[in-house]
Amino acid sequence: MKVLTEKNLLDYIAGAVILGCGGGGGSEWGKRMVDDALEKGCSFKLADISEIDGEAML
């Protein structure tokens, strides 16, 4: 499992804005959410599919 850095998260936000072709809004909202979560001590993790139990509910 990979712990995502703030840079990783901001890169994902930038990609989502590009893929949304302007229809999903700007990146400001996403950046605020990331900042708020990190200030509260939250972390973001990315799991490989092989790390997830086949019976898990996602």
N, C-alpha and C. Protein backbone atom coordinates (compact mmCIF):
# COMPACT_ATOMS: atom_id res chain seq x y z
N MET A 1 0.85 -1.16 0.00
CA MET A 1 0.00 0.00 0.00
C MET A 1 0.90 1.23 0.00
N LYS A 2 0.57 2.18 -0.84
CA LYS A 2 1.36 3.40 -0.97
C LYS A 2 0.64 4.55 -0.27
N VAL A 3 1.36 5.26 0.59
CA VAL A 3 0.82 6.46 1.22
C VAL A 3 1.05 7.61 0.24
N LEU A 4 -0.02 8.30 -0.11
CA LEU A 4 0.07 9.39 -1.08
C LEU A 4 0.54 10.67 -0.42
N THR A 5 1.44 11.37 -1.09
CA THR A 5 1.94 12.64 -0.60
C THR A 5 1.01 13.77 -1.05
N GLU A 6 1.22 14.94 -0.48
CA GLU A 6 0.42 16.10 -0.91
C GLU A 6 0.63 16.35 -2.41
N LYS A 7 1.86 16.19 -2.89
CA LYS A 7 2.13 16.38 -4.31
C LYS A 7 1.36 15.36 -5.14
N ASN A 8 1.34 14.09 -4.71
CA ASN A 8 0.56 13.08 -5.42
C ASN A 8 -0.89 13.51 -5.54
N LEU A 9 -1.46 13.96 -4.42
CA LEU A 9 -2.87 14.36 -4.41
C LEU A 9 -3.13 15.54 -5.33
N LEU A 10 -2.24 16.52 -5.31
CA LEU A 10 -2.41 17.69 -6.19
C LEU A 10 -2.27 17.29 -7.66
N ASP A 11 -1.39 16.32 -7.94
CA ASP A 11 -1.26 15.82 -9.31
C ASP A 11 -2.55 15.11 -9.75
N TYR A 12 -3.16 14.33 -8.86
CA TYR A 12 -4.43 13.66 -9.20
C TYR A 12 -5.53 14.68 -9.45
N ILE A 13 -5.54 15.75 -8.65
CA ILE A 13 -6.54 16.80 -8.85
C ILE A 13 -6.34 17.45 -10.22
N ALA A 14 -5.09 17.75 -10.57
CA ALA A 14 -4.80 18.36 -11.88
C ALA A 14 -5.26 17.44 -13.00
N GLY A 15 -5.00 16.15 -12.87
CA GLY A 15 -5.44 15.20 -13.89
C GLY A 15 -6.95 15.12 -14.00
N ALA A 16 -7.63 15.18 -12.87
CA ALA A 16 -9.09 15.13 -12.88
C ALA A 16 -9.68 16.36 -13.57
N VAL A 17 -9.05 17.52 -13.35
CA VAL A 17 -9.51 18.75 -14.01
C VAL A 17 -9.35 18.61 -15.52
N ILE A 18 -8.21 18.07 -15.95
CA ILE A 18 -7.97 17.90 -17.39
C ILE A 18 -8.96 16.90 -17.98
N LEU A 19 -9.14 15.76 -17.32
CA LEU A 19 -10.05 14.74 -17.84
C LEU A 19 -11.50 15.19 -17.79
N GLY A 20 -11.82 16.10 -16.87
CA GLY A 20 -13.18 16.62 -16.77
C GLY A 20 -13.49 17.63 -17.86
N CYS A 21 -12.49 18.04 -18.62
CA CYS A 21 -12.66 18.99 -19.74
C CYS A 21 -13.44 20.23 -19.34
N GLY A 22 -13.26 20.70 -18.12
CA GLY A 22 -13.93 21.92 -17.68
C GLY A 22 -15.32 21.69 -17.13
N GLY A 23 -15.88 20.53 -17.34
CA GLY A 23 -17.24 20.25 -16.87
C GLY A 23 -17.30 19.88 -15.40
N GLY A 24 -16.16 19.59 -14.82
CA GLY A 24 -16.14 19.17 -13.42
C GLY A 24 -15.76 20.27 -12.46
N GLY A 25 -15.57 21.46 -12.98
CA GLY A 25 -15.19 22.58 -12.13
C GLY A 25 -13.68 22.72 -12.02
N GLY A 26 -13.26 23.69 -11.26
CA GLY A 26 -11.84 23.97 -11.10
C GLY A 26 -11.21 23.13 -10.00
N SER A 27 -9.92 23.33 -9.82
CA SER A 27 -9.18 22.54 -8.85
C SER A 27 -9.24 23.10 -7.43
N GLU A 28 -9.74 24.32 -7.27
CA GLU A 28 -9.71 24.97 -5.96
C GLU A 28 -10.44 24.17 -4.89
N TRP A 29 -11.59 23.62 -5.23
CA TRP A 29 -12.39 22.85 -4.28
C TRP A 29 -11.62 21.61 -3.82
N GLY A 30 -11.02 20.91 -4.76
CA GLY A 30 -10.25 19.72 -4.42
C GLY A 30 -9.04 20.05 -3.56
N LYS A 31 -8.37 21.14 -3.88
CA LYS A 31 -7.20 21.56 -3.09
C LYS A 31 -7.61 21.90 -1.66
N ARG A 32 -8.75 22.56 -1.51
CA ARG A 32 -9.24 22.89 -0.16
C ARG A 32 -9.54 21.62 0.63
N MET A 33 -10.15 20.65 -0.02
CA MET A 33 -10.47 19.39 0.66
C MET A 33 -9.19 18.68 1.12
N VAL A 34 -8.19 18.64 0.25
CA VAL A 34 -6.91 18.01 0.59
C VAL A 34 -6.25 18.74 1.74
N ASP A 35 -6.19 20.07 1.65
CA ASP A 35 -5.58 20.87 2.73
C ASP A 35 -6.27 20.63 4.06
N ASP A 36 -7.60 20.64 4.06
CA ASP A 36 -8.36 20.43 5.30
C ASP A 36 -8.08 19.04 5.88
N ALA A 37 -8.09 18.03 5.03
CA ALA A 37 -7.86 16.66 5.50
C ALA A 37 -6.45 16.50 6.06
N LEU A 38 -5.45 17.05 5.38
CA LEU A 38 -4.08 16.92 5.86
C LEU A 38 -3.88 17.68 7.17
N GLU A 39 -4.51 18.84 7.30
CA GLU A 39 -4.41 19.60 8.55
C GLU A 39 -5.01 18.83 9.72
N LYS A 40 -6.02 18.00 9.45
CA LYS A 40 -6.66 17.20 10.50
C LYS A 40 -5.90 15.91 10.77
N GLY A 41 -4.81 15.68 10.04
CA GLY A 41 -3.99 14.49 10.27
C GLY A 41 -4.41 13.28 9.46
N CYS A 42 -5.29 13.46 8.52
CA CYS A 42 -5.72 12.34 7.68
C CYS A 42 -4.61 11.96 6.70
N SER A 43 -4.63 10.71 6.28
CA SER A 43 -3.69 10.28 5.25
C SER A 43 -4.48 9.59 4.14
N PHE A 44 -3.89 9.55 2.98
CA PHE A 44 -4.52 8.94 1.81
C PHE A 44 -3.64 7.80 1.35
N LYS A 45 -4.25 6.66 1.09
CA LYS A 45 -3.49 5.47 0.70
C LYS A 45 -4.05 4.91 -0.60
N LEU A 46 -3.15 4.36 -1.40
CA LEU A 46 -3.51 3.74 -2.66
C LEU A 46 -3.10 2.28 -2.59
N ALA A 47 -4.07 1.39 -2.72
CA ALA A 47 -3.79 -0.04 -2.61
C ALA A 47 -3.76 -0.68 -3.99
N ASP A 48 -2.85 -1.61 -4.15
CA ASP A 48 -2.83 -2.43 -5.35
C ASP A 48 -3.96 -3.45 -5.23
N ILE A 49 -4.54 -3.81 -6.34
CA ILE A 49 -5.67 -4.75 -6.32
C ILE A 49 -5.29 -6.07 -5.64
N SER A 50 -4.02 -6.46 -5.72
CA SER A 50 -3.58 -7.72 -5.09
C SER A 50 -3.58 -7.63 -3.57
N GLU A 51 -3.63 -6.43 -3.02
CA GLU A 51 -3.63 -6.23 -1.57
C GLU A 51 -5.04 -6.27 -0.98
N ILE A 52 -6.05 -6.34 -1.82
CA ILE A 52 -7.43 -6.28 -1.35
C ILE A 52 -8.02 -7.68 -1.30
N ASP A 53 -8.59 -8.03 -0.18
CA ASP A 53 -9.23 -9.33 0.00
C ASP A 53 -10.36 -9.48 -1.02
N GLY A 54 -10.42 -10.63 -1.63
CA GLY A 54 -11.44 -10.90 -2.64
C GLY A 54 -12.86 -10.80 -2.12
N GLU A 55 -13.04 -10.92 -0.81
CA GLU A 55 -14.37 -10.83 -0.20
C GLU A 55 -14.65 -9.44 0.36
N ALA A 56 -13.72 -8.53 0.22
CA ALA A 56 -13.88 -7.18 0.79
C ALA A 56 -14.96 -6.40 0.05
N MET A 57 -15.65 -5.57 0.80
CA MET A 57 -16.63 -4.67 0.20
C MET A 57 -16.00 -3.29 0.11
N LEU A 58 -15.98 -2.75 -1.08
CA LEU A 58 -15.35 -1.45 -1.30
C LEU A 58 -16.39 -0.40 -1.64
